[in-house]
Amino acid sequence: MPTVEQIDPGFSTADASHPSINYDSGNLYLKFIDWRERTVLVTFHDTCRFEWVDEPDDSIYGEPYDGSCVIRESNWIPDKGGSNCQHYRLNFNACGGRLDVAFVDMKVET
């Protein structure tokens, strides 16, 4: 059964703008303006699955509505993701959306 662990990935999605999401050659690029009016750029390397959901209605117990978490024992990660793949869930409360991403590594720029 999946469990939630709240995390600080090096950026905050609370009160952030609607993100721009681009995928190219296995990398997912996320860009948004945070609550401090700073541009945040996140690159998820070796992304094997991602999904944006407007107004999600399937939160997991303990999941923050305005923050980020890692989903442990996730059955959402494809088999091809392997054991190094992580499932992050980024909740953007201001725009009401959520990004789920399964990836191996990430880089944050602010």
PDB file of N, CA and C in Angstrom:
ATOM      1  N   MET A   1       0.837  -1.176   0.000  1.00  0.00           N
ATOM      2  CA  MET A   1       0.000   0.000   0.000  1.00  0.00           C
ATOM      3  C   MET A   1       0.888   1.247   0.000  1.00  0.00           C
ATOM      4  N   PRO A   2       0.603   2.195  -0.896  1.00  0.00           N
ATOM      5  CA  PRO A   2       1.406   3.420  -0.955  1.00  0.00           C
ATOM      6  C   PRO A   2       1.283   4.249   0.317  1.00  0.00           C
ATOM      7  N   THR A   3       2.393   4.861   0.707  1.00  0.00           N
ATOM      8  CA  THR A   3       2.401   5.773   1.841  1.00  0.00           C
ATOM      9  C   THR A   3       3.025   7.099   1.402  1.00  0.00           C
ATOM     10  N   VAL A   4       2.705   8.154   2.133  1.00  0.00           N
ATOM     11  CA  VAL A   4       3.150   9.499   1.804  1.00  0.00           C
ATOM     12  C   VAL A   4       4.207   9.966   2.790  1.00  0.00           C
ATOM     13  N   GLU A   5       5.263  10.573   2.250  1.00  0.00           N
ATOM     14  CA  GLU A   5       6.274  11.213   3.090  1.00  0.00           C
ATOM     15  C   GLU A   5       6.435  12.640   2.586  1.00  0.00           C
ATOM     16  N   GLN A   6       6.046  13.615   3.415  1.00  0.00           N
ATOM     17  CA  GLN A   6       6.206  15.010   3.020  1.00  0.00           C
ATOM     18  C   GLN A   6       7.689  15.330   2.926  1.00  0.00           C
ATOM     19  N   ILE A   7       8.057  16.101   1.906  1.00  0.00           N
ATOM     20  CA  ILE A   7       9.462  16.415   1.653  1.00  0.00           C
ATOM     21  C   ILE A   7       9.632  17.897   1.341  1.00  0.00           C
ATOM     22  N   ASP A   8      10.880  18.348   1.439  1.00  0.00           N
ATOM     23  CA  ASP A   8      11.275  19.668   0.955  1.00  0.00           C
ATOM     24  C   ASP A   8      12.246  19.414  -0.195  1.00  0.00           C
ATOM     25  N   PRO A   9      11.744  19.489  -1.446  1.00  0.00           N
ATOM     26  CA  PRO A   9      12.609  19.177  -2.587  1.00  0.00           C
ATOM     27  C   PRO A   9      13.545  20.312  -2.989  1.00  0.00           C
ATOM     28  N   GLY A  10      13.549  21.412  -2.215  1.00  0.00           N
ATOM     29  CA  GLY A  10      14.395  22.551  -2.549  1.00  0.00           C
ATOM     30  C   GLY A  10      13.613  23.687  -3.173  1.00  0.00           C
ATOM     31  N   PHE A  11      12.293  23.561  -3.217  1.00  0.00           N
ATOM     32  CA  PHE A  11      11.416  24.605  -3.733  1.00  0.00           C
ATOM     33  C   PHE A  11      10.043  24.397  -3.115  1.00  0.00           C
ATOM     34  N   SER A  12       9.211  25.447  -3.216  1.00  0.00           N
ATOM     35  CA  SER A  12       7.862  25.364  -2.663  1.00  0.00           C
ATOM     36  C   SER A  12       6.839  25.551  -3.770  1.00  0.00           C
ATOM     37  N   THR A  13       5.822  24.704  -3.773  1.00  0.00           N
ATOM     38  CA  THR A  13       4.718  24.830  -4.723  1.00  0.00           C
ATOM     39  C   THR A  13       3.529  25.567  -4.109  1.00  0.00           C
ATOM     40  N   ALA A  14       3.586  25.857  -2.819  1.00  0.00           N
ATOM     41  CA  ALA A  14       2.498  26.566  -2.147  1.00  0.00           C
ATOM     42  C   ALA A  14       2.347  27.964  -2.745  1.00  0.00           C
ATOM     43  N   ASP A  15       1.136  28.299  -3.136  1.00  0.00           N
ATOM     44  CA  ASP A  15       0.797  29.614  -3.695  1.00  0.00           C
ATOM     45  C   ASP A  15       1.619  29.968  -4.938  1.00  0.00           C
ATOM     46  N   ALA A  16       2.111  28.975  -5.652  1.00  0.00           N
ATOM     47  CA  ALA A  16       2.892  29.190  -6.876  1.00  0.00           C
ATOM     48  C   ALA A  16       1.958  29.373  -8.077  1.00  0.00           C
ATOM     49  N   SER A  17       2.508  29.947  -9.132  1.00  0.00           N
ATOM     50  CA  SER A  17       1.748  30.121 -10.362  1.00  0.00           C
ATOM     51  C   SER A  17       1.532  28.773 -11.057  1.00  0.00           C
ATOM     52  N   HIS A  18       0.640  28.773 -12.033  1.00  0.00           N
ATOM     53  CA  HIS A  18       0.414  27.562 -12.834  1.00  0.00           C
ATOM     54  C   HIS A  18       1.726  27.246 -13.550  1.00  0.00           C
ATOM     55  N   PRO A  19       2.204  26.013 -13.464  1.00  0.00           N
ATOM     56  CA  PRO A  19       3.512  25.696 -14.043  1.00  0.00           C
ATOM     57  C   PRO A  19       3.471  25.469 -15.550  1.00  0.00           C
ATOM     58  N   SER A  20       4.620  25.646 -16.145  1.00  0.00           N
ATOM     59  CA  SER A  20       4.865  25.261 -17.527  1.00  0.00           C
ATOM     60  C   SER A  20       5.583  23.920 -17.474  1.00  0.00           C
ATOM     61  N   ILE A  21       5.120  22.957 -18.264  1.00  0.00           N
ATOM     62  CA  ILE A  21       5.678  21.608 -18.237  1.00  0.00           C
ATOM     63  C   ILE A  21       6.058  21.207 -19.655  1.00  0.00           C
ATOM     64  N   ASN A  22       7.309  20.790 -19.828  1.00  0.00           N
ATOM     65  CA  ASN A  22       7.792  20.341 -21.136  1.00  0.00           C
ATOM     66  C   ASN A  22       8.560  19.040 -20.968  1.00  0.00           C
ATOM     67  N   TYR A  23       8.425  18.163 -21.957  1.00  0.00           N
ATOM     68  CA  TYR A  23       9.114  16.871 -21.933  1.00  0.00           C
ATOM     69  C   TYR A  23       9.939  16.730 -23.204  1.00  0.00           C
ATOM     70  N   ASP A  24      11.206  16.325 -23.051  1.00  0.00           N
ATOM     71  CA  ASP A  24      12.079  16.141 -24.206  1.00  0.00           C
ATOM     72  C   ASP A  24      13.163  15.124 -23.873  1.00  0.00           C
ATOM     73  N   SER A  25      13.250  14.112 -24.668  1.00  0.00           N
ATOM     74  CA  SER A  25      14.333  13.115 -24.584  1.00  0.00           C
ATOM     75  C   SER A  25      14.520  12.530 -23.187  1.00  0.00           C
ATOM     76  N   GLY A  26      13.431  12.197 -22.528  1.00  0.00           N
ATOM     77  CA  GLY A  26      13.513  11.558 -21.223  1.00  0.00           C
ATOM     78  C   GLY A  26      13.592  12.506 -20.052  1.00  0.00           C
ATOM     79  N   ASN A  27      13.653  13.809 -20.311  1.00  0.00           N
ATOM     80  CA  ASN A  27      13.708  14.799 -19.238  1.00  0.00           C
ATOM     81  C   ASN A  27      12.419  15.607 -19.201  1.00  0.00           C
ATOM     82  N   LEU A  28      11.937  15.860 -17.995  1.00  0.00           N
ATOM     83  CA  LEU A  28      10.756  16.685 -17.791  1.00  0.00           C
ATOM     84  C   LEU A  28      11.207  18.015 -17.202  1.00  0.00           C
ATOM     85  N   TYR A  29      10.777  19.114 -17.835  1.00  0.00           N
ATOM     86  CA  TYR A  29      11.159  20.454 -17.406  1.00  0.00           C
ATOM     87  C   TYR A  29       9.938  21.155 -16.818  1.00  0.00           C
ATOM     88  N   LEU A  30      10.084  21.620 -15.586  1.00  0.00           N
ATOM     89  CA  LEU A  30       9.019  22.277 -14.861  1.00  0.00           C
ATOM     90  C   LEU A  30       9.473  23.702 -14.543  1.00  0.00           C
ATOM     91  N   LYS A  31       8.615  24.690 -14.854  1.00  0.00           N
ATOM     92  CA  LYS A  31       8.952  26.090 -14.592  1.00  0.00           C
ATOM     93  C   LYS A  31       7.724  26.776 -14.006  1.00  0.00           C
ATOM     94  N   PHE A  32       7.937  27.527 -12.922  1.00  0.00           N
ATOM     95  CA  PHE A  32       6.852  28.275 -12.312  1.00  0.00           C
ATOM     96  C   PHE A  32       7.415  29.429 -11.486  1.00  0.00           C
ATOM     97  N   ILE A  33       6.526  30.331 -11.086  1.00  0.00           N
ATOM     98  CA  ILE A  33       6.881  31.446 -10.214  1.00  0.00           C
ATOM     99  C   ILE A  33       6.393  31.091  -8.815  1.00  0.00           C
ATOM    100  N   ASP A  34       7.304  31.100  -7.829  1.00  0.00           N
ATOM    101  CA  ASP A  34       6.905  30.718  -6.475  1.00  0.00           C
ATOM    102  C   ASP A  34       6.271  31.896  -5.732  1.00  0.00           C
ATOM    103  N   TRP A  35       5.893  31.670  -4.496  1.00  0.00           N
ATOM    104  CA  TRP A  35       5.190  32.676  -3.712  1.00  0.00           C
ATOM    105  C   TRP A  35       6.028  33.911  -3.420  1.00  0.00           C
ATOM    106  N   ARG A  36       7.354  33.795  -3.592  1.00  0.00           N
ATOM    107  CA  ARG A  36       8.243  34.940  -3.388  1.00  0.00           C
ATOM    108  C   ARG A  36       8.507  35.691  -4.690  1.00  0.00           C
ATOM    109  N   GLU A  37       7.785  35.269  -5.756  1.00  0.00           N
ATOM    110  CA  GLU A  37       7.931  35.873  -7.087  1.00  0.00           C
ATOM    111  C   GLU A  37       9.266  35.513  -7.742  1.00  0.00           C
ATOM    112  N   ARG A  38       9.830  34.370  -7.356  1.00  0.00           N
ATOM    113  CA  ARG A  38      11.066  33.877  -7.970  1.00  0.00           C
ATOM    114  C   ARG A  38      10.732  32.785  -8.974  1.00  0.00           C
ATOM    115  N   THR A  39      11.467  32.778 -10.069  1.00  0.00           N
ATOM    116  CA  THR A  39      11.312  31.715 -11.060  1.00  0.00           C
ATOM    117  C   THR A  39      12.018  30.462 -10.571  1.00  0.00           C
ATOM    118  N   VAL A  40      11.313  29.354 -10.634  1.00  0.00           N
ATOM    119  CA  VAL A  40      11.866  28.060 -10.239  1.00  0.00           C
ATOM    120  C   VAL A  40      11.896  27.174 -11.479  1.00  0.00           C
ATOM    121  N   LEU A  41      13.046  26.575 -11.746  1.00  0.00           N
ATOM    122  CA  LEU A  41      13.206  25.641 -12.847  1.00  0.00           C
ATOM    123  C   LEU A  41      13.633  24.295 -12.269  1.00  0.00           C
ATOM    124  N   VAL A  42      12.899  23.251 -12.590  1.00  0.00           N
ATOM    125  CA  VAL A  42      13.229  21.914 -12.103  1.00  0.00           C
ATOM    126  C   VAL A  42      13.348  21.002 -13.311  1.00  0.00           C
ATOM    127  N   THR A  43      14.435  20.255 -13.376  1.00  0.00           N
ATOM    128  CA  THR A  43      14.622  19.257 -14.426  1.00  0.00           C
ATOM    129  C   THR A  43      14.591  17.882 -13.783  1.00  0.00           C
ATOM    130  N   PHE A  44      13.661  17.060 -14.215  1.00  0.00           N
ATOM    131  CA  PHE A  44      13.572  15.673 -13.760  1.00  0.00           C
ATOM    132  C   PHE A  44      14.242  14.808 -14.824  1.00  0.00           C
ATOM    133  N   HIS A  45      15.364  14.204 -14.461  1.00  0.00           N
ATOM    134  CA  HIS A  45      16.129  13.380 -15.400  1.00  0.00           C
ATOM    135  C   HIS A  45      15.603  11.942 -15.401  1.00  0.00           C
ATOM    136  N   ASP A  46      15.682  11.312 -16.542  1.00  0.00           N
ATOM    137  CA  ASP A  46      15.251   9.920 -16.707  1.00  0.00           C
ATOM    138  C   ASP A  46      13.816   9.737 -16.215  1.00  0.00           C
ATOM    139  N   THR A  47      12.934  10.583 -16.717  1.00  0.00           N
ATOM    140  CA  THR A  47      11.514  10.508 -16.363  1.00  0.00           C
ATOM    141  C   THR A  47      10.866   9.363 -17.118  1.00  0.00           C
ATOM    142  N   CYS A  48      10.201   8.472 -16.394  1.00  0.00           N
ATOM    143  CA  CYS A  48       9.542   7.337 -17.040  1.00  0.00           C
ATOM    144  C   CYS A  48       8.023   7.479 -17.074  1.00  0.00           C
ATOM    145  N   ARG A  49       7.488   8.452 -16.294  1.00  0.00           N
ATOM    146  CA  ARG A  49       6.052   8.711 -16.326  1.00  0.00           C
ATOM    147  C   ARG A  49       5.770  10.041 -15.648  1.00  0.00           C
ATOM    148  N   PHE A  50       4.804  10.777 -16.179  1.00  0.00           N
ATOM    149  CA  PHE A  50       4.350  12.002 -15.529  1.00  0.00           C
ATOM    150  C   PHE A  50       2.902  12.263 -15.914  1.00  0.00           C
ATOM    151  N   GLU A  51       2.237  13.044 -15.052  1.00  0.00           N
ATOM    152  CA  GLU A  51       0.841  13.365 -15.319  1.00  0.00           C
ATOM    153  C   GLU A  51       0.474  14.648 -14.574  1.00  0.00           C
ATOM    154  N   TRP A  52      -0.158  15.572 -15.288  1.00  0.00           N
ATOM    155  CA  TRP A  52      -0.724  16.766 -14.670  1.00  0.00           C
ATOM    156  C   TRP A  52      -2.217  16.532 -14.527  1.00  0.00           C
ATOM    157  N   VAL A  53      -2.770  16.856 -13.360  1.00  0.00           N
ATOM    158  CA  VAL A  53      -4.202  16.712 -13.109  1.00  0.00           C
ATOM    159  C   VAL A  53      -4.725  18.038 -12.564  1.00  0.00           C
ATOM    160  N   ASP A  54      -5.738  18.602 -13.246  1.00  0.00           N
ATOM    161  CA  ASP A  54      -6.435  19.768 -12.719  1.00  0.00           C
ATOM    162  C   ASP A  54      -7.445  19.287 -11.691  1.00  0.00           C
ATOM    163  N   GLU A  55      -7.463  19.918 -10.541  1.00  0.00           N
ATOM    164  CA  GLU A  55      -8.422  19.598  -9.479  1.00  0.00           C
ATOM    165  C   GLU A  55      -8.486  18.097  -9.161  1.00  0.00           C
ATOM    166  N   PRO A  56      -7.367  17.525  -8.692  1.00  0.00           N
ATOM    167  CA  PRO A  56      -7.354  16.091  -8.362  1.00  0.00           C
ATOM    168  C   PRO A  56      -8.299  15.763  -7.208  1.00  0.00           C
ATOM    169  N   ASP A  57      -8.850  14.564  -7.264  1.00  0.00           N
ATOM    170  CA  ASP A  57      -9.772  14.136  -6.209  1.00  0.00           C
ATOM    171  C   ASP A  57      -9.374  12.792  -5.611  1.00  0.00           C
ATOM    172  N   ASP A  58      -8.107  12.431  -5.767  1.00  0.00           N
ATOM    173  CA  ASP A  58      -7.649  11.121  -5.309  1.00  0.00           C
ATOM    174  C   ASP A  58      -6.413  11.218  -4.418  1.00  0.00           C
ATOM    175  N   SER A  59      -6.412  12.146  -3.479  1.00  0.00           N
ATOM    176  CA  SER A  59      -5.250  12.305  -2.614  1.00  0.00           C
ATOM    177  C   SER A  59      -5.093  11.103  -1.689  1.00  0.00           C
ATOM    178  N   ILE A  60      -3.861  10.921  -1.262  1.00  0.00           N
ATOM    179  CA  ILE A  60      -3.512   9.841  -0.350  1.00  0.00           C
ATOM    180  C   ILE A  60      -3.438  10.428   1.054  1.00  0.00           C
ATOM    181  N   TYR A  61      -3.866   9.680   2.044  1.00  0.00           N
ATOM    182  CA  TYR A  61      -3.854  10.153   3.426  1.00  0.00           C
ATOM    183  C   TYR A  61      -2.473  10.701   3.785  1.00  0.00           C
ATOM    184  N   GLY A  62      -2.431  11.928   4.298  1.00  0.00           N
ATOM    185  CA  GLY A  62      -1.187  12.563   4.702  1.00  0.00           C
ATOM    186  C   GLY A  62      -0.573  13.439   3.628  1.00  0.00           C
ATOM    187  N   GLU A  63      -1.151  13.453   2.439  1.00  0.00           N
ATOM    188  CA  GLU A  63      -0.618  14.249   1.336  1.00  0.00           C
ATOM    189  C   GLU A  63      -0.933  15.732   1.568  1.00  0.00           C
ATOM    190  N   PRO A  64       0.061  16.617   1.470  1.00  0.00           N
ATOM    191  CA  PRO A  64      -0.193  18.040   1.676  1.00  0.00           C
ATOM    192  C   PRO A  64      -0.890  18.645   0.456  1.00  0.00           C
ATOM    193  N   TYR A  65      -1.890  19.478   0.674  1.00  0.00           N
ATOM    194  CA  TYR A  65      -2.604  20.077  -0.453  1.00  0.00           C
ATOM    195  C   TYR A  65      -1.804  21.213  -1.090  1.00  0.00           C
ATOM    196  N   ASP A  66      -0.782  21.696  -0.401  1.00  0.00           N
ATOM    197  CA  ASP A  66      -0.002  22.826  -0.905  1.00  0.00           C
ATOM    198  C   ASP A  66       1.501  22.564  -0.835  1.00  0.00           C
ATOM    199  N   GLY A  67       1.892  21.327  -0.981  1.00  0.00           N
ATOM    200  CA  GLY A  67       3.311  20.999  -0.871  1.00  0.00           C
ATOM    201  C   GLY A  67       3.676  19.772  -1.674  1.00  0.00           C
ATOM    202  N   SER A  68       4.835  19.247  -1.379  1.00  0.00           N
ATOM    203  CA  SER A  68       5.388  18.131  -2.131  1.00  0.00           C
ATOM    204  C   SER A  68       5.572  16.913  -1.239  1.00  0.00           C
ATOM    205  N   CYS A  69       5.498  15.759  -1.858  1.00  0.00           N
ATOM    206  CA  CYS A  69       5.709  14.518  -1.120  1.00  0.00           C
ATOM    207  C   CYS A  69       6.249  13.448  -2.056  1.00  0.00           C
ATOM    208  N   VAL A  70       6.840  12.450  -1.458  1.00  0.00           N
ATOM    209  CA  VAL A  70       7.259  11.266  -2.191  1.00  0.00           C
ATOM    210  C   VAL A  70       6.275  10.171  -1.813  1.00  0.00           C
ATOM    211  N   ILE A  71       5.881   9.391  -2.807  1.00  0.00           N
ATOM    212  CA  ILE A  71       4.966   8.277  -2.580  1.00  0.00           C
ATOM    213  C   ILE A  71       5.819   7.013  -2.479  1.00  0.00           C
ATOM    214  N   ARG A  72       5.858   6.443  -1.305  1.00  0.00           N
ATOM    215  CA  ARG A  72       6.616   5.205  -1.074  1.00  0.00           C
ATOM    216  C   ARG A  72       5.741   4.007  -1.461  1.00  0.00           C
ATOM    217  N   GLU A  73       6.376   2.962  -1.937  1.00  0.00           N
ATOM    218  CA  GLU A  73       5.677   1.740  -2.353  1.00  0.00           C
ATOM    219  C   GLU A  73       4.601   2.058  -3.396  1.00  0.00           C
ATOM    220  N   SER A  74       4.949   2.959  -4.307  1.00  0.00           N
ATOM    221  CA  SER A  74       4.012   3.399  -5.334  1.00  0.00           C
ATOM    222  C   SER A  74       3.835   2.330  -6.410  1.00  0.00           C
ATOM    223  N   ASN A  75       2.595   2.048  -6.745  1.00  0.00           N
ATOM    224  CA  ASN A  75       2.322   1.138  -7.856  1.00  0.00           C
ATOM    225  C   ASN A  75       2.118   1.928  -9.148  1.00  0.00           C
ATOM    226  N   TRP A  76       2.344   3.224  -9.116  1.00  0.00           N
ATOM    227  CA  TRP A  76       2.191   4.117 -10.261  1.00  0.00           C
ATOM    228  C   TRP A  76       3.434   4.120 -11.146  1.00  0.00           C
ATOM    229  N   ILE A  77       4.592   3.758 -10.578  1.00  0.00           N
ATOM    230  CA  ILE A  77       5.849   3.741 -11.340  1.00  0.00           C
ATOM    231  C   ILE A  77       5.844   2.542 -12.289  1.00  0.00           C
ATOM    232  N   PRO A  78       6.079   2.779 -13.586  1.00  0.00           N
ATOM    233  CA  PRO A  78       6.140   1.655 -14.532  1.00  0.00           C
ATOM    234  C   PRO A  78       7.306   0.720 -14.220  1.00  0.00           C
ATOM    235  N   ASP A  79       7.175  -0.524 -14.591  1.00  0.00           N
ATOM    236  CA  ASP A  79       8.248  -1.506 -14.366  1.00  0.00           C
ATOM    237  C   ASP A  79       9.565  -1.056 -14.974  1.00  0.00           C
ATOM    238  N   LYS A  80       9.507  -0.387 -16.124  1.00  0.00           N
ATOM    239  CA  LYS A  80      10.736   0.049 -16.782  1.00  0.00           C
ATOM    240  C   LYS A  80      11.482   1.110 -15.977  1.00  0.00           C
ATOM    241  N   GLY A  81      10.817   1.715 -14.977  1.00  0.00           N
ATOM    242  CA  GLY A  81      11.453   2.726 -14.147  1.00  0.00           C
ATOM    243  C   GLY A  81      12.559   2.177 -13.274  1.00  0.00           C
ATOM    244  N   GLY A  82      12.458   0.922 -12.912  1.00  0.00           N
ATOM    245  CA  GLY A  82      13.486   0.295 -12.096  1.00  0.00           C
ATOM    246  C   GLY A  82      13.463   0.733 -10.644  1.00  0.00           C
ATOM    247  N   SER A  83      14.389   0.206  -9.870  1.00  0.00           N
ATOM    248  CA  SER A  83      14.403   0.436  -8.427  1.00  0.00           C
ATOM    249  C   SER A  83      14.909   1.826  -8.044  1.00  0.00           C
ATOM    250  N   ASN A  84      15.586   2.537  -8.962  1.00  0.00           N
ATOM    251  CA  ASN A  84      16.081   3.881  -8.664  1.00  0.00           C
ATOM    252  C   ASN A  84      15.038   4.961  -8.899  1.00  0.00           C
ATOM    253  N   CYS A  85      13.920   4.599  -9.463  1.00  0.00           N
ATOM    254  CA  CYS A  85      12.872   5.556  -9.812  1.00  0.00           C
ATOM    255  C   CYS A  85      12.087   5.960  -8.565  1.00  0.00           C
ATOM    256  N   GLN A  86      11.800   7.267  -8.445  1.00  0.00           N
ATOM    257  CA  GLN A  86      11.035   7.810  -7.327  1.00  0.00           C
ATOM    258  C   GLN A  86       9.727   8.391  -7.853  1.00  0.00           C
ATOM    259  N   HIS A  87       8.697   8.400  -7.041  1.00  0.00           N
ATOM    260  CA  HIS A  87       7.411   8.995  -7.399  1.00  0.00           C
ATOM    261  C   HIS A  87       7.183  10.213  -6.516  1.00  0.00           C
ATOM    262  N   TYR A  88       7.282  11.400  -7.120  1.00  0.00           N
ATOM    263  CA  TYR A  88       7.005  12.647  -6.422  1.00  0.00           C
ATOM    264  C   TYR A  88       5.624  13.138  -6.811  1.00  0.00           C
ATOM    265  N   ARG A  89       4.970  13.774  -5.869  1.00  0.00           N
ATOM    266  CA  ARG A  89       3.667  14.396  -6.093  1.00  0.00           C
ATOM    267  C   ARG A  89       3.796  15.846  -5.648  1.00  0.00           C
ATOM    268  N   LEU A  90       3.613  16.771  -6.597  1.00  0.00           N
ATOM    269  CA  LEU A  90       3.757  18.201  -6.339  1.00  0.00           C
ATOM    270  C   LEU A  90       2.387  18.852  -6.448  1.00  0.00           C
ATOM    271  N   ASN A  91       1.899  19.370  -5.336  1.00  0.00           N
ATOM    272  CA  ASN A  91       0.568  19.976  -5.283  1.00  0.00           C
ATOM    273  C   ASN A  91       0.666  21.493  -5.371  1.00  0.00           C
ATOM    274  N   PHE A  92       0.007  22.052  -6.387  1.00  0.00           N
ATOM    275  CA  PHE A  92      -0.032  23.487  -6.627  1.00  0.00           C
ATOM    276  C   PHE A  92      -1.407  23.994  -6.193  1.00  0.00           C
ATOM    277  N   ASN A  93      -1.526  24.393  -4.934  1.00  0.00           N
ATOM    278  CA  ASN A  93      -2.830  24.761  -4.384  1.00  0.00           C
ATOM    279  C   ASN A  93      -3.436  25.999  -5.040  1.00  0.00           C
ATOM    280  N   ALA A  94      -2.625  26.983  -5.439  1.00  0.00           N
ATOM    281  CA  ALA A  94      -3.163  28.229  -5.989  1.00  0.00           C
ATOM    282  C   ALA A  94      -3.891  28.012  -7.316  1.00  0.00           C
ATOM    283  N   CYS A  95      -3.401  27.086  -8.131  1.00  0.00           N
ATOM    284  CA  CYS A  95      -4.071  26.820  -9.413  1.00  0.00           C
ATOM    285  C   CYS A  95      -4.899  25.536  -9.352  1.00  0.00           C
ATOM    286  N   GLY A  96      -4.835  24.821  -8.235  1.00  0.00           N
ATOM    287  CA  GLY A  96      -5.668  23.642  -8.049  1.00  0.00           C
ATOM    288  C   GLY A  96      -5.201  22.402  -8.776  1.00  0.00           C
ATOM    289  N   GLY A  97      -3.939  22.357  -9.179  1.00  0.00           N
ATOM    290  CA  GLY A  97      -3.440  21.209  -9.930  1.00  0.00           C
ATOM    291  C   GLY A  97      -2.376  20.427  -9.198  1.00  0.00           C
ATOM    292  N   ARG A  98      -2.038  19.278  -9.793  1.00  0.00           N
ATOM    293  CA  ARG A  98      -1.032  18.402  -9.195  1.00  0.00           C
ATOM    294  C   ARG A  98      -0.203  17.764 -10.309  1.00  0.00           C
ATOM    295  N   LEU A  99       1.104  17.689 -10.058  1.00  0.00           N
ATOM    296  CA  LEU A  99       2.005  16.986 -10.964  1.00  0.00           C
ATOM    297  C   LEU A  99       2.513  15.737 -10.267  1.00  0.00           C
ATOM    298  N   ASP A 100       2.274  14.585 -10.895  1.00  0.00           N
ATOM    299  CA  ASP A 100       2.894  13.333 -10.468  1.00  0.00           C
ATOM    300  C   ASP A 100       4.022  13.076 -11.447  1.00  0.00           C
ATOM    301  N   VAL A 101       5.187  12.720 -10.924  1.00  0.00           N
ATOM    302  CA  VAL A 101       6.325  12.438 -11.801  1.00  0.00           C
ATOM    303  C   VAL A 101       7.148  11.296 -11.211  1.00  0.00           C
ATOM    304  N   ALA A 102       7.481  10.348 -12.076  1.00  0.00           N
ATOM    305  CA  ALA A 102       8.364   9.231 -11.713  1.00  0.00           C
ATOM    306  C   ALA A 102       9.674   9.451 -12.452  1.00  0.00           C
ATOM    307  N   PHE A 103      10.770   9.536 -11.709  1.00  0.00           N
ATOM    308  CA  PHE A 103      12.059   9.927 -12.282  1.00  0.00           C
ATOM    309  C   PHE A 103      13.197   9.327 -11.473  1.00  0.00           C
ATOM    310  N   VAL A 104      14.409   9.465 -12.005  1.00  0.00           N
ATOM    311  CA  VAL A 104      15.589   8.942 -11.327  1.00  0.00           C
ATOM    312  C   VAL A 104      16.347  10.034 -10.579  1.00  0.00           C
ATOM    313  N   ASP A 105      16.504  11.220 -11.182  1.00  0.00           N
ATOM    314  CA  ASP A 105      17.282  12.290 -10.568  1.00  0.00           C
ATOM    315  C   ASP A 105      16.655  13.628 -10.936  1.00  0.00           C
ATOM    316  N   MET A 106      16.927  14.674 -10.132  1.00  0.00           N
ATOM    317  CA  MET A 106      16.413  15.989 -10.469  1.00  0.00           C
ATOM    318  C   MET A 106      17.417  17.080 -10.126  1.00  0.00           C
ATOM    319  N   LYS A 107      17.248  18.205 -10.809  1.00  0.00           N
ATOM    320  CA  LYS A 107      18.087  19.380 -10.579  1.00  0.00           C
ATOM    321  C   LYS A 107      17.162  20.567 -10.422  1.00  0.00           C
ATOM    322  N   VAL A 108      17.417  21.406  -9.393  1.00  0.00           N
ATOM    323  CA  VAL A 108      16.592  22.577  -9.096  1.00  0.00           C
ATOM    324  C   VAL A 108      17.421  23.835  -9.292  1.00  0.00           C
ATOM    325  N   GLU A 109      16.842  24.819 -10.013  1.00  0.00           N
ATOM    326  CA  GLU A 109      17.464  26.116 -10.184  1.00  0.00           C
ATOM    327  C   GLU A 109      16.459  27.185  -9.780  1.00  0.00           C
ATOM    328  N   THR A 110      16.904  28.145  -8.965  1.00  0.00           N
ATOM    329  CA  THR A 110      16.019  29.264  -8.596  1.00  0.00           C
ATOM    330  C   THR A 110      16.697  30.574  -8.933  1.00  0.00           C
TER     331      THR A 110
END
